[in-house]
Amino acid sequence: MIRKACIADAPIIHKLLAEHAGKGAMLSRSLAEIYQAIRSFYVLEEQGEVLGTVSLQVWWADLAEVRSLVVSERLSGRGCGRQLVQACIDEACQLGLSRLFALTYQEQFFARLGFSLIEKSELPHKIWGDCMKCSKFPDCDEVAMAMSLPPASH
């Protein structure tokens, strides 16, 4: 089941992100950052246990980012990552956004969801604030991918 995160989910979201950040798969986020952004998170829950998460970060009137995507390894290959990203796509469409992007090491995964490679230089400079915290900065090896969203029908 995919649902919006609640305050009680913050520590487990933090743990999931920290585990993957420790493997170099993503940037870590502090528990304080997670609490501050809790309304942007979705969680994947199975039998009462949070086993995945994703966040939709709105950057501008037309642009949002899919970030902090993590799924427990024991759910690998079951489409859970796709379901989490789809929750972000659906919300972005509901909000009336026209473009969604991700900075990722998982190019094929995002391509299957309709994202295409773009140059990082196409993204606004303000999104790079988190990159300054990364040990790989400025030699980032993530790729930027984006997708256009259908116009909102209000």
C-alpha atoms as a PDB file:
ATOM      1  CA  MET A   1       0.000   0.000   0.000  1.00  0.00           C
ATOM      2  CA  ILE A   2       1.284   3.464  -0.947  1.00  0.00           C
ATOM      3  CA  ARG A   3       0.199   6.327   1.314  1.00  0.00           C
ATOM      4  CA  LYS A   4       1.276   9.812   2.329  1.00  0.00           C
ATOM      5  CA  ALA A   5       3.823   9.734   5.144  1.00  0.00           C
ATOM      6  CA  CYS A   6       2.936  10.837   8.650  1.00  0.00           C
ATOM      7  CA  ILE A   7       5.127  12.154  11.452  1.00  0.00           C
ATOM      8  CA  ALA A   8       5.532   8.677  12.968  1.00  0.00           C
ATOM      9  CA  ASP A   9       7.145   7.502   9.688  1.00  0.00           C
ATOM     10  CA  ALA A  10      10.036   9.996   9.850  1.00  0.00           C
ATOM     11  CA  PRO A  11      12.488   7.812  11.825  1.00  0.00           C
ATOM     12  CA  ILE A  12      12.031   4.802   9.527  1.00  0.00           C
ATOM     13  CA  ILE A  13      12.291   7.029   6.431  1.00  0.00           C
ATOM     14  CA  HIS A  14      15.528   8.369   7.895  1.00  0.00           C
ATOM     15  CA  LYS A  15      16.811   4.839   8.490  1.00  0.00           C
ATOM     16  CA  LEU A  16      15.945   3.679   4.948  1.00  0.00           C
ATOM     17  CA  LEU A  17      17.635   6.709   3.388  1.00  0.00           C
ATOM     18  CA  ALA A  18      20.701   6.409   5.626  1.00  0.00           C
ATOM     19  CA  GLU A  19      21.173   2.745   4.678  1.00  0.00           C
ATOM     20  CA  HIS A  20      21.172   3.573   0.975  1.00  0.00           C
ATOM     21  CA  ALA A  21      23.243   6.724   1.411  1.00  0.00           C
ATOM     22  CA  GLY A  22      25.841   4.611   3.214  1.00  0.00           C
ATOM     23  CA  LYS A  23      26.159   2.524   0.046  1.00  0.00           C
ATOM     24  CA  GLY A  24      26.700   5.678  -2.044  1.00  0.00           C
ATOM     25  CA  ALA A  25      23.342   5.232  -3.783  1.00  0.00           C
ATOM     26  CA  MET A  26      21.925   8.612  -2.732  1.00  0.00           C
ATOM     27  CA  LEU A  27      22.396  11.657  -0.555  1.00  0.00           C
ATOM     28  CA  SER A  28      21.543  11.289   3.085  1.00  0.00           C
ATOM     29  CA  ARG A  29      18.925  13.509   4.663  1.00  0.00           C
ATOM     30  CA  SER A  30      18.931  14.447   8.308  1.00  0.00           C
ATOM     31  CA  LEU A  31      16.013  13.523  10.512  1.00  0.00           C
ATOM     32  CA  ALA A  32      15.271  17.247  10.874  1.00  0.00           C
ATOM     33  CA  GLU A  33      15.093  17.603   7.058  1.00  0.00           C
ATOM     34  CA  ILE A  34      12.702  14.664   6.881  1.00  0.00           C
ATOM     35  CA  TYR A  35      10.418  16.132   9.533  1.00  0.00           C
ATOM     36  CA  GLN A  36      10.444  19.482   7.713  1.00  0.00           C
ATOM     37  CA  ALA A  37       9.538  17.832   4.402  1.00  0.00           C
ATOM     38  CA  ILE A  38       7.272  15.047   5.737  1.00  0.00           C
ATOM     39  CA  ARG A  39       4.320  16.285   3.671  1.00  0.00           C
ATOM     40  CA  SER A  40       6.307  15.639   0.491  1.00  0.00           C
ATOM     41  CA  PHE A  41       6.930  11.956   1.304  1.00  0.00           C
ATOM     42  CA  TYR A  42       5.053   8.824   0.373  1.00  0.00           C
ATOM     43  CA  VAL A  43       5.703   5.488   2.007  1.00  0.00           C
ATOM     44  CA  LEU A  44       5.199   1.921   0.876  1.00  0.00           C
ATOM     45  CA  GLU A  45       3.740  -0.089   3.699  1.00  0.00           C
ATOM     46  CA  GLU A  46       3.345  -3.850   3.794  1.00  0.00           C
ATOM     47  CA  GLN A  47       1.735  -5.552   6.792  1.00  0.00           C
ATOM     48  CA  GLY A  48       2.255  -2.464   8.924  1.00  0.00           C
ATOM     49  CA  GLU A  49       5.960  -2.111   8.062  1.00  0.00           C
ATOM     50  CA  VAL A  50       7.359   0.800   6.019  1.00  0.00           C
ATOM     51  CA  LEU A  51       9.542  -0.766   3.332  1.00  0.00           C
ATOM     52  CA  GLY A  52       9.961   2.078   0.858  1.00  0.00           C
ATOM     53  CA  THR A  53       9.723   5.807   0.399  1.00  0.00           C
ATOM     54  CA  VAL A  54       9.867   8.612  -2.146  1.00  0.00           C
ATOM     55  CA  SER A  55       9.534  12.370  -2.013  1.00  0.00           C
ATOM     56  CA  LEU A  56       8.081  14.906  -4.437  1.00  0.00           C
ATOM     57  CA  GLN A  57       9.944  18.217  -4.109  1.00  0.00           C
ATOM     58  CA  VAL A  58       8.275  21.143  -5.890  1.00  0.00           C
ATOM     59  CA  TRP A  59      10.883  23.609  -7.150  1.00  0.00           C
ATOM     60  CA  TRP A  60       8.913  26.088  -9.229  1.00  0.00           C
ATOM     61  CA  ALA A  61       5.532  26.715 -10.843  1.00  0.00           C
ATOM     62  CA  ASP A  62       6.229  24.147 -13.540  1.00  0.00           C
ATOM     63  CA  LEU A  63       8.898  21.868 -12.062  1.00  0.00           C
ATOM     64  CA  ALA A  64       9.203  19.193  -9.374  1.00  0.00           C
ATOM     65  CA  GLU A  65      11.738  16.521  -8.477  1.00  0.00           C
ATOM     66  CA  VAL A  66      11.303  12.852  -7.613  1.00  0.00           C
ATOM     67  CA  ARG A  67      13.837  12.286  -4.857  1.00  0.00           C
ATOM     68  CA  SER A  68      14.754  10.006  -1.963  1.00  0.00           C
ATOM     69  CA  LEU A  69      13.423   6.879  -3.706  1.00  0.00           C
ATOM     70  CA  VAL A  70      14.213   3.768  -1.669  1.00  0.00           C
ATOM     71  CA  VAL A  71      12.660   0.300  -1.655  1.00  0.00           C
ATOM     72  CA  SER A  72      13.740  -2.487   0.671  1.00  0.00           C
ATOM     73  CA  GLU A  73      15.884  -5.045  -1.131  1.00  0.00           C
ATOM     74  CA  ARG A  74      13.481  -7.823  -0.144  1.00  0.00           C
ATOM     75  CA  LEU A  75      10.839  -6.167  -2.359  1.00  0.00           C
ATOM     76  CA  SER A  76      13.194  -5.809  -5.323  1.00  0.00           C
ATOM     77  CA  GLY A  77      11.645  -6.618  -8.688  1.00  0.00           C
ATOM     78  CA  ARG A  78       8.030  -6.386  -7.503  1.00  0.00           C
ATOM     79  CA  GLY A  79       7.212  -3.000  -9.063  1.00  0.00           C
ATOM     80  CA  CYS A  80       7.245  -1.137  -5.752  1.00  0.00           C
ATOM     81  CA  GLY A  81       9.639   1.564  -6.981  1.00  0.00           C
ATOM     82  CA  ARG A  82       7.427   2.120 -10.010  1.00  0.00           C
ATOM     83  CA  GLN A  83       4.375   2.476  -7.755  1.00  0.00           C
ATOM     84  CA  LEU A  84       6.135   5.020  -5.554  1.00  0.00           C
ATOM     85  CA  VAL A  85       7.255   7.109  -8.533  1.00  0.00           C
ATOM     86  CA  GLN A  86       3.761   6.861 -10.026  1.00  0.00           C
ATOM     87  CA  ALA A  87       2.363   8.396  -6.810  1.00  0.00           C
ATOM     88  CA  CYS A  88       4.677  11.366  -7.417  1.00  0.00           C
ATOM     89  CA  ILE A  89       3.680  11.611 -11.078  1.00  0.00           C
ATOM     90  CA  ASP A  90      -0.003  11.553 -10.125  1.00  0.00           C
ATOM     91  CA  GLU A  91       0.441  14.268  -7.490  1.00  0.00           C
ATOM     92  CA  ALA A  92       2.533  16.413  -9.840  1.00  0.00           C
ATOM     93  CA  CYS A  93      -0.259  16.198 -12.422  1.00  0.00           C
ATOM     94  CA  GLN A  94      -2.878  17.084  -9.788  1.00  0.00           C
ATOM     95  CA  LEU A  95      -0.815  20.113  -8.789  1.00  0.00           C
ATOM     96  CA  GLY A  96      -0.707  21.271 -12.414  1.00  0.00           C
ATOM     97  CA  LEU A  97       3.040  20.883 -12.856  1.00  0.00           C
ATOM     98  CA  SER A  98       4.299  20.428 -16.404  1.00  0.00           C
ATOM     99  CA  ARG A  99       7.682  18.803 -15.804  1.00  0.00           C
ATOM    100  CA  LEU A 100       9.183  16.289 -13.428  1.00  0.00           C
ATOM    101  CA  PHE A 101      12.849  15.381 -13.052  1.00  0.00           C
ATOM    102  CA  ALA A 102      15.134  13.042 -11.131  1.00  0.00           C
ATOM    103  CA  LEU A 103      18.861  12.947 -10.473  1.00  0.00           C
ATOM    104  CA  THR A 104      19.676   9.258 -10.464  1.00  0.00           C
ATOM    105  CA  TYR A 105      22.019   6.329 -10.952  1.00  0.00           C
ATOM    106  CA  GLN A 106      19.039   4.247 -12.157  1.00  0.00           C
ATOM    107  CA  GLU A 107      18.776   5.457 -15.754  1.00  0.00           C
ATOM    108  CA  GLN A 108      17.018   2.377 -17.126  1.00  0.00           C
ATOM    109  CA  PHE A 109      14.442   2.342 -14.324  1.00  0.00           C
ATOM    110  CA  PHE A 110      13.417   5.958 -14.939  1.00  0.00           C
ATOM    111  CA  ALA A 111      13.509   5.502 -18.734  1.00  0.00           C
ATOM    112  CA  ARG A 112      10.943   2.688 -18.417  1.00  0.00           C
ATOM    113  CA  LEU A 113       8.697   5.155 -16.572  1.00  0.00           C
ATOM    114  CA  GLY A 114       8.869   7.710 -19.399  1.00  0.00           C
ATOM    115  CA  PHE A 115      11.783   9.889 -18.256  1.00  0.00           C
ATOM    116  CA  SER A 116      14.442  10.947 -20.780  1.00  0.00           C
ATOM    117  CA  LEU A 117      18.041  12.018 -20.280  1.00  0.00           C
ATOM    118  CA  ILE A 118      18.626  15.761 -20.096  1.00  0.00           C
ATOM    119  CA  GLU A 119      21.664  17.924 -19.455  1.00  0.00           C
ATOM    120  CA  LYS A 120      21.999  18.898 -15.807  1.00  0.00           C
ATOM    121  CA  SER A 121      22.545  22.467 -16.985  1.00  0.00           C
ATOM    122  CA  GLU A 122      18.849  22.552 -18.030  1.00  0.00           C
ATOM    123  CA  LEU A 123      17.830  22.471 -14.356  1.00  0.00           C
ATOM    124  CA  PRO A 124      17.642  25.630 -12.222  1.00  0.00           C
ATOM    125  CA  HIS A 125      20.718  26.386 -10.125  1.00  0.00           C
ATOM    126  CA  LYS A 126      18.790  26.414  -6.855  1.00  0.00           C
ATOM    127  CA  ILE A 127      18.327  22.629  -6.956  1.00  0.00           C
ATOM    128  CA  TRP A 128      22.054  22.163  -6.469  1.00  0.00           C
ATOM    129  CA  GLY A 129      22.012  23.227  -2.804  1.00  0.00           C
ATOM    130  CA  ASP A 130      21.882  19.604  -1.636  1.00  0.00           C
ATOM    131  CA  CYS A 131      24.713  18.665  -3.986  1.00  0.00           C
ATOM    132  CA  MET A 132      27.114  20.821  -1.983  1.00  0.00           C
ATOM    133  CA  LYS A 133      26.732  18.287   0.881  1.00  0.00           C
ATOM    134  CA  CYS A 134      27.722  15.339  -1.305  1.00  0.00           C
ATOM    135  CA  SER A 135      31.189  13.810  -1.112  1.00  0.00           C
ATOM    136  CA  LYS A 136      31.141  13.466  -4.917  1.00  0.00           C
ATOM    137  CA  PHE A 137      30.641  17.194  -5.517  1.00  0.00           C
ATOM    138  CA  PRO A 138      31.593  18.632  -7.995  1.00  0.00           C
ATOM    139  CA  ASP A 139      32.308  15.373  -9.845  1.00  0.00           C
ATOM    140  CA  CYS A 140      28.759  14.022  -9.713  1.00  0.00           C
ATOM    141  CA  ASP A 141      28.148  10.826 -11.637  1.00  0.00           C
ATOM    142  CA  GLU A 142      24.345  10.887 -11.420  1.00  0.00           C
ATOM    143  CA  VAL A 143      22.353  11.547 -14.575  1.00  0.00           C
ATOM    144  CA  ALA A 144      19.507  14.011 -14.908  1.00  0.00           C
ATOM    145  CA  MET A 145      16.258  12.703 -16.360  1.00  0.00           C
ATOM    146  CA  ALA A 146      12.981  14.494 -16.957  1.00  0.00           C
ATOM    147  CA  MET A 147       9.500  13.902 -18.237  1.00  0.00           C
ATOM    148  CA  SER A 148       6.781  16.226 -19.491  1.00  0.00           C
ATOM    149  CA  LEU A 149       3.410  15.895 -17.795  1.00  0.00           C
ATOM    150  CA  PRO A 150       0.009  16.261 -19.425  1.00  0.00           C
ATOM    151  CA  PRO A 151      -1.770  19.581 -18.869  1.00  0.00           C
ATOM    152  CA  ALA A 152      -3.905  19.636 -15.725  1.00  0.00           C
ATOM    153  CA  SER A 153      -7.633  19.361 -16.238  1.00  0.00           C
ATOM    154  CA  HIS A 154      -9.293  21.371 -13.480  1.00  0.00           C
END
